[in-house]
Amino acid sequence: MPMNRAHRKLCSSEKWAMGVRERLLPWALDDVQLGDDVVEIGPGYGANLRVLVEQVPRLTAVEVDGRTAELLRSQWGERARVVHADGAAMPLADGAYSAVVCFTMLHHVPTAEQQDGIFAEAFRVLRPGGTFAGADSQLNFRFRLLHIGDTMNVVDPATLPARLTEAGFTDVSVDLHPETGGLRFRGRRP
């Protein structure tokens, strides 16, 4: 997993999980209809997963790190399907899912090309009319400190709409949180 020890400790904490439940996901998913069968790419330690599993009938979590996938499977395996795979090469059926989401993980993807691969895979597995939505962090002093020694490839909000459109999405929107500066995005598979 491309995170330093302090970052791993934060992302596996109850404080982080509470922030996800109370602030991040409500903002990121405001007015998003997830539907009945959702994929979360990059669940990490499961803070998002534990909220999503209460909101959707079926949830598949795709985690690139094998140990983390096993941890998630042991905690959530009866309520969510956990798949150890790369989000840019998911072993999931074409056009099968109502929504694909990812939260605070894109900046851990080493290159823009690999991020674009995730966007293409999200598009591939979505049903027509399905939504791709998520959120990620933007640069600030505290964010930089937390990521010392981490993989850190922050998504540019100015270029993200074109990248999502290039992947095939329509009705693309990207906006910044007025207080934190984090970004959220949405796109629809036509």
C-alpha atoms as a PDB file:
ATOM      1  CA  MET A   1       0.000   0.000   0.000  1.00  0.00           C
ATOM      2  CA  PRO A   2       1.550   3.350  -1.015  1.00  0.00           C
ATOM      3  CA  MET A   3       1.162   5.067   2.368  1.00  0.00           C
ATOM      4  CA  ASN A   4       3.596   5.867   5.162  1.00  0.00           C
ATOM      5  CA  ARG A   5       3.018   4.663   8.730  1.00  0.00           C
ATOM      6  CA  ALA A   6       1.393   7.900   9.998  1.00  0.00           C
ATOM      7  CA  HIS A   7      -0.939   7.943   7.018  1.00  0.00           C
ATOM      8  CA  ARG A   8      -1.929   4.302   7.536  1.00  0.00           C
ATOM      9  CA  LYS A   9      -2.595   5.006  11.207  1.00  0.00           C
ATOM     10  CA  LEU A  10      -4.836   7.967  10.364  1.00  0.00           C
ATOM     11  CA  CYS A  11      -6.791   6.138   7.654  1.00  0.00           C
ATOM     12  CA  SER A  12      -7.452   3.151   9.916  1.00  0.00           C
ATOM     13  CA  SER A  13      -8.594   5.300  12.854  1.00  0.00           C
ATOM     14  CA  GLU A  14     -12.092   5.782  14.236  1.00  0.00           C
ATOM     15  CA  LYS A  15     -11.580   9.548  13.914  1.00  0.00           C
ATOM     16  CA  TRP A  16     -11.091   9.159  10.149  1.00  0.00           C
ATOM     17  CA  ALA A  17     -14.093   6.822   9.903  1.00  0.00           C
ATOM     18  CA  MET A  18     -16.275   9.348  11.726  1.00  0.00           C
ATOM     19  CA  GLY A  19     -15.140  12.135   9.373  1.00  0.00           C
ATOM     20  CA  VAL A  20     -15.948   9.953   6.374  1.00  0.00           C
ATOM     21  CA  ARG A  21     -19.427   9.167   7.721  1.00  0.00           C
ATOM     22  CA  GLU A  22     -20.309  12.690   8.846  1.00  0.00           C
ATOM     23  CA  ARG A  23     -18.588  14.916   6.286  1.00  0.00           C
ATOM     24  CA  LEU A  24     -16.857  13.309   3.310  1.00  0.00           C
ATOM     25  CA  LEU A  25     -19.467  10.889   1.984  1.00  0.00           C
ATOM     26  CA  PRO A  26     -22.495  13.159   2.549  1.00  0.00           C
ATOM     27  CA  TRP A  27     -20.762  15.891   0.521  1.00  0.00           C
ATOM     28  CA  ALA A  28     -19.274  13.597  -2.128  1.00  0.00           C
ATOM     29  CA  LEU A  29     -22.543  11.753  -2.729  1.00  0.00           C
ATOM     30  CA  ASP A  30     -24.978  14.662  -2.381  1.00  0.00           C
ATOM     31  CA  ASP A  31     -27.704  14.101  -5.014  1.00  0.00           C
ATOM     32  CA  VAL A  32     -26.029  10.910  -6.331  1.00  0.00           C
ATOM     33  CA  GLN A  33     -28.313   7.924  -6.878  1.00  0.00           C
ATOM     34  CA  LEU A  34     -26.171   4.858  -6.221  1.00  0.00           C
ATOM     35  CA  GLY A  35     -28.739   2.263  -7.217  1.00  0.00           C
ATOM     36  CA  ASP A  36     -28.718  -1.394  -6.247  1.00  0.00           C
ATOM     37  CA  ASP A  37     -25.273  -2.732  -7.154  1.00  0.00           C
ATOM     38  CA  VAL A  38     -22.228  -0.575  -6.393  1.00  0.00           C
ATOM     39  CA  VAL A  39     -18.466  -0.970  -6.816  1.00  0.00           C
ATOM     40  CA  GLU A  40     -16.058   0.890  -4.563  1.00  0.00           C
ATOM     41  CA  ILE A  41     -12.549   1.141  -6.003  1.00  0.00           C
ATOM     42  CA  GLY A  42      -9.798   1.453  -3.415  1.00  0.00           C
ATOM     43  CA  PRO A  43     -11.602   1.034  -0.095  1.00  0.00           C
ATOM     44  CA  GLY A  44      -8.347   0.986   1.879  1.00  0.00           C
ATOM     45  CA  TYR A  45      -9.098   0.236   5.520  1.00  0.00           C
ATOM     46  CA  GLY A  46     -12.848   0.347   4.956  1.00  0.00           C
ATOM     47  CA  ALA A  47     -14.067   3.676   6.356  1.00  0.00           C
ATOM     48  CA  ASN A  48     -16.128   4.311   3.218  1.00  0.00           C
ATOM     49  CA  LEU A  49     -17.154   0.684   2.901  1.00  0.00           C
ATOM     50  CA  ARG A  50     -18.725   0.608   6.366  1.00  0.00           C
ATOM     51  CA  VAL A  51     -20.967   3.538   5.388  1.00  0.00           C
ATOM     52  CA  LEU A  52     -21.776   2.276   1.892  1.00  0.00           C
ATOM     53  CA  VAL A  53     -22.707  -1.222   3.080  1.00  0.00           C
ATOM     54  CA  GLU A  54     -25.573   0.386   5.026  1.00  0.00           C
ATOM     55  CA  GLN A  55     -26.781   2.386   2.004  1.00  0.00           C
ATOM     56  CA  VAL A  56     -26.835  -0.080  -0.895  1.00  0.00           C
ATOM     57  CA  PRO A  57     -28.228  -3.594  -1.352  1.00  0.00           C
ATOM     58  CA  ARG A  58     -25.057  -5.005  -2.987  1.00  0.00           C
ATOM     59  CA  LEU A  59     -21.508  -3.697  -2.649  1.00  0.00           C
ATOM     60  CA  THR A  60     -18.312  -4.915  -4.278  1.00  0.00           C
ATOM     61  CA  ALA A  61     -15.030  -3.498  -2.969  1.00  0.00           C
ATOM     62  CA  VAL A  62     -11.978  -3.696  -5.249  1.00  0.00           C
ATOM     63  CA  GLU A  63      -8.720  -3.346  -3.289  1.00  0.00           C
ATOM     64  CA  VAL A  64      -5.238  -3.462  -4.870  1.00  0.00           C
ATOM     65  CA  ASP A  65      -3.364  -4.420  -1.689  1.00  0.00           C
ATOM     66  CA  GLY A  66      -3.692  -8.130  -0.895  1.00  0.00           C
ATOM     67  CA  ARG A  67      -3.320  -7.853   2.893  1.00  0.00           C
ATOM     68  CA  THR A  68      -5.825  -5.040   3.072  1.00  0.00           C
ATOM     69  CA  ALA A  69      -8.266  -6.989   0.887  1.00  0.00           C
ATOM     70  CA  GLU A  70      -7.984  -9.937   3.308  1.00  0.00           C
ATOM     71  CA  LEU A  71      -8.574  -7.636   6.287  1.00  0.00           C
ATOM     72  CA  LEU A  72     -11.680  -6.192   4.613  1.00  0.00           C
ATOM     73  CA  ARG A  73     -12.919  -9.666   3.696  1.00  0.00           C
ATOM     74  CA  SER A  74     -12.571 -10.812   7.319  1.00  0.00           C
ATOM     75  CA  GLN A  75     -14.491  -7.765   8.587  1.00  0.00           C
ATOM     76  CA  TRP A  76     -17.070  -7.241   5.835  1.00  0.00           C
ATOM     77  CA  GLY A  77     -17.111 -10.433   3.765  1.00  0.00           C
ATOM     78  CA  GLU A  78     -20.639 -11.345   4.780  1.00  0.00           C
ATOM     79  CA  ARG A  79     -22.008  -7.929   3.755  1.00  0.00           C
ATOM     80  CA  ALA A  80     -19.787  -6.979   0.816  1.00  0.00           C
ATOM     81  CA  ARG A  81     -17.910  -8.823  -1.880  1.00  0.00           C
ATOM     82  CA  VAL A  82     -14.205  -7.955  -1.535  1.00  0.00           C
ATOM     83  CA  VAL A  83     -12.025  -8.473  -4.597  1.00  0.00           C
ATOM     84  CA  HIS A  84      -8.226  -8.240  -4.585  1.00  0.00           C
ATOM     85  CA  ALA A  85      -7.531  -6.506  -7.907  1.00  0.00           C
ATOM     86  CA  ASP A  86      -6.243  -3.356  -9.563  1.00  0.00           C
ATOM     87  CA  GLY A  87      -8.963  -0.751 -10.142  1.00  0.00           C
ATOM     88  CA  ALA A  88      -7.615  -0.349 -13.686  1.00  0.00           C
ATOM     89  CA  ALA A  89      -8.118  -4.071 -14.433  1.00  0.00           C
ATOM     90  CA  MET A  90     -11.151  -5.227 -12.463  1.00  0.00           C
ATOM     91  CA  PRO A  91     -12.312  -8.834 -12.908  1.00  0.00           C
ATOM     92  CA  LEU A  92     -15.922  -7.658 -13.083  1.00  0.00           C
ATOM     93  CA  ALA A  93     -18.552  -8.020 -15.792  1.00  0.00           C
ATOM     94  CA  ASP A  94     -19.128  -5.343 -18.412  1.00  0.00           C
ATOM     95  CA  GLY A  95     -22.148  -3.115 -17.813  1.00  0.00           C
ATOM     96  CA  ALA A  96     -23.232  -4.843 -14.610  1.00  0.00           C
ATOM     97  CA  TYR A  97     -23.193  -2.107 -11.944  1.00  0.00           C
ATOM     98  CA  SER A  98     -25.450   0.833 -11.109  1.00  0.00           C
ATOM     99  CA  ALA A  99     -22.626   2.978  -9.689  1.00  0.00           C
ATOM    100  CA  VAL A 100     -18.870   3.021  -9.224  1.00  0.00           C
ATOM    101  CA  VAL A 101     -17.318   5.181  -6.502  1.00  0.00           C
ATOM    102  CA  CYS A 102     -13.859   5.998  -5.197  1.00  0.00           C
ATOM    103  CA  PHE A 103     -12.852   8.260  -2.342  1.00  0.00           C
ATOM    104  CA  THR A 104      -9.490   9.767  -1.364  1.00  0.00           C
ATOM    105  CA  MET A 105      -7.529   7.150  -3.287  1.00  0.00           C
ATOM    106  CA  LEU A 106      -6.813   8.602  -6.726  1.00  0.00           C
ATOM    107  CA  HIS A 107      -3.866  10.611  -5.390  1.00  0.00           C
ATOM    108  CA  HIS A 108      -2.218   7.281  -4.468  1.00  0.00           C
ATOM    109  CA  VAL A 109      -2.278   6.118  -8.088  1.00  0.00           C
ATOM    110  CA  PRO A 110       1.252   6.772  -9.397  1.00  0.00           C
ATOM    111  CA  THR A 111       0.497   8.186 -12.857  1.00  0.00           C
ATOM    112  CA  ALA A 112      -2.245  10.052 -14.694  1.00  0.00           C
ATOM    113  CA  GLU A 113      -2.305   7.186 -17.218  1.00  0.00           C
ATOM    114  CA  GLN A 114      -3.080   4.701 -14.435  1.00  0.00           C
ATOM    115  CA  GLN A 115      -5.782   7.025 -13.090  1.00  0.00           C
ATOM    116  CA  ASP A 116      -7.229   7.168 -16.610  1.00  0.00           C
ATOM    117  CA  GLY A 117      -7.208   3.364 -16.621  1.00  0.00           C
ATOM    118  CA  ILE A 118      -9.379   3.441 -13.489  1.00  0.00           C
ATOM    119  CA  PHE A 119     -11.772   5.872 -15.195  1.00  0.00           C
ATOM    120  CA  ALA A 120     -11.981   3.578 -18.254  1.00  0.00           C
ATOM    121  CA  GLU A 121     -12.654   0.535 -16.051  1.00  0.00           C
ATOM    122  CA  ALA A 122     -15.340   2.386 -14.105  1.00  0.00           C
ATOM    123  CA  PHE A 123     -17.014   3.221 -17.413  1.00  0.00           C
ATOM    124  CA  ARG A 124     -16.731  -0.377 -18.653  1.00  0.00           C
ATOM    125  CA  VAL A 125     -18.401  -1.978 -15.619  1.00  0.00           C
ATOM    126  CA  LEU A 126     -21.241   0.578 -15.362  1.00  0.00           C
ATOM    127  CA  ARG A 127     -24.691  -0.050 -16.773  1.00  0.00           C
ATOM    128  CA  PRO A 128     -26.033   2.521 -19.226  1.00  0.00           C
ATOM    129  CA  GLY A 129     -27.256   5.401 -17.066  1.00  0.00           C
ATOM    130  CA  GLY A 130     -24.923   4.401 -14.221  1.00  0.00           C
ATOM    131  CA  THR A 131     -22.928   6.940 -12.238  1.00  0.00           C
ATOM    132  CA  PHE A 132     -19.230   7.250 -11.467  1.00  0.00           C
ATOM    133  CA  ALA A 133     -18.707   9.486  -8.448  1.00  0.00           C
ATOM    134  CA  GLY A 134     -16.117  10.230  -5.849  1.00  0.00           C
ATOM    135  CA  ALA A 135     -13.893  12.668  -4.060  1.00  0.00           C
ATOM    136  CA  ASP A 136     -10.212  13.274  -3.562  1.00  0.00           C
ATOM    137  CA  SER A 137      -7.899  15.614  -1.726  1.00  0.00           C
ATOM    138  CA  GLN A 138      -6.070  18.653  -3.026  1.00  0.00           C
ATOM    139  CA  LEU A 139      -2.692  20.026  -2.044  1.00  0.00           C
ATOM    140  CA  ASN A 140      -2.209  21.996   1.136  1.00  0.00           C
ATOM    141  CA  PHE A 141       0.516  22.072   3.778  1.00  0.00           C
ATOM    142  CA  ARG A 142      -1.029  19.453   6.079  1.00  0.00           C
ATOM    143  CA  PHE A 143      -1.765  17.124   3.141  1.00  0.00           C
ATOM    144  CA  ARG A 144       1.863  17.371   1.977  1.00  0.00           C
ATOM    145  CA  LEU A 145       3.151  16.560   5.475  1.00  0.00           C
ATOM    146  CA  LEU A 146       0.900  13.525   5.797  1.00  0.00           C
ATOM    147  CA  HIS A 147       2.149  12.216   2.442  1.00  0.00           C
ATOM    148  CA  ILE A 148       5.904  12.390   3.030  1.00  0.00           C
ATOM    149  CA  GLY A 149       7.249   9.196   1.503  1.00  0.00           C
ATOM    150  CA  ASP A 150       3.848   8.263   0.032  1.00  0.00           C
ATOM    151  CA  THR A 151       2.796   7.967  -3.548  1.00  0.00           C
ATOM    152  CA  MET A 152       1.146  11.339  -4.166  1.00  0.00           C
ATOM    153  CA  ASN A 153      -0.246  12.201  -7.588  1.00  0.00           C
ATOM    154  CA  VAL A 154      -2.981  14.768  -6.972  1.00  0.00           C
ATOM    155  CA  VAL A 155      -5.755  15.032  -9.558  1.00  0.00           C
ATOM    156  CA  ASP A 156      -5.976  18.450 -11.209  1.00  0.00           C
ATOM    157  CA  PRO A 157      -9.593  19.695 -11.016  1.00  0.00           C
ATOM    158  CA  ALA A 158      -9.022  21.788 -14.159  1.00  0.00           C
ATOM    159  CA  THR A 159      -8.197  18.754 -16.331  1.00  0.00           C
ATOM    160  CA  LEU A 160     -10.407  16.128 -14.668  1.00  0.00           C
ATOM    161  CA  PRO A 161     -13.588  16.950 -16.639  1.00  0.00           C
ATOM    162  CA  ALA A 162     -11.821  16.363 -19.974  1.00  0.00           C
ATOM    163  CA  ARG A 163     -10.262  13.144 -18.680  1.00  0.00           C
ATOM    164  CA  LEU A 164     -13.641  11.792 -17.565  1.00  0.00           C
ATOM    165  CA  THR A 165     -15.206  12.828 -20.881  1.00  0.00           C
ATOM    166  CA  GLU A 166     -12.365  11.065 -22.734  1.00  0.00           C
ATOM    167  CA  ALA A 167     -13.224   7.885 -20.773  1.00  0.00           C
ATOM    168  CA  GLY A 168     -16.762   8.146 -22.172  1.00  0.00           C
ATOM    169  CA  PHE A 169     -18.686   9.828 -19.359  1.00  0.00           C
ATOM    170  CA  THR A 170     -21.344  12.483 -19.952  1.00  0.00           C
ATOM    171  CA  ASP A 171     -22.899  14.984 -17.559  1.00  0.00           C
ATOM    172  CA  VAL A 172     -19.479  15.387 -15.962  1.00  0.00           C
ATOM    173  CA  SER A 173     -19.110  17.757 -13.041  1.00  0.00           C
ATOM    174  CA  VAL A 174     -16.144  18.566 -10.832  1.00  0.00           C
ATOM    175  CA  ASP A 175     -16.251  21.013  -7.973  1.00  0.00           C
ATOM    176  CA  LEU A 176     -14.224  21.985  -4.922  1.00  0.00           C
ATOM    177  CA  HIS A 177     -15.346  21.929  -1.316  1.00  0.00           C
ATOM    178  CA  PRO A 178     -15.655  25.540  -0.096  1.00  0.00           C
ATOM    179  CA  GLU A 179     -13.855  24.848   3.202  1.00  0.00           C
ATOM    180  CA  THR A 180     -11.457  21.940   2.667  1.00  0.00           C
ATOM    181  CA  GLY A 181     -10.639  22.513  -0.994  1.00  0.00           C
ATOM    182  CA  GLY A 182     -11.121  18.802  -1.704  1.00  0.00           C
ATOM    183  CA  LEU A 183     -12.705  17.899  -5.017  1.00  0.00           C
ATOM    184  CA  ARG A 184     -15.711  15.789  -5.895  1.00  0.00           C
ATOM    185  CA  PHE A 185     -16.644  14.496  -9.308  1.00  0.00           C
ATOM    186  CA  ARG A 186     -19.493  12.805 -11.103  1.00  0.00           C
ATOM    187  CA  GLY A 187     -20.058  11.381 -14.548  1.00  0.00           C
ATOM    188  CA  ARG A 188     -22.705   9.224 -16.160  1.00  0.00           C
ATOM    189  CA  ARG A 189     -22.437   6.368 -18.631  1.00  0.00           C
ATOM    190  CA  PRO A 190     -24.855   7.200 -21.450  1.00  0.00           C
END
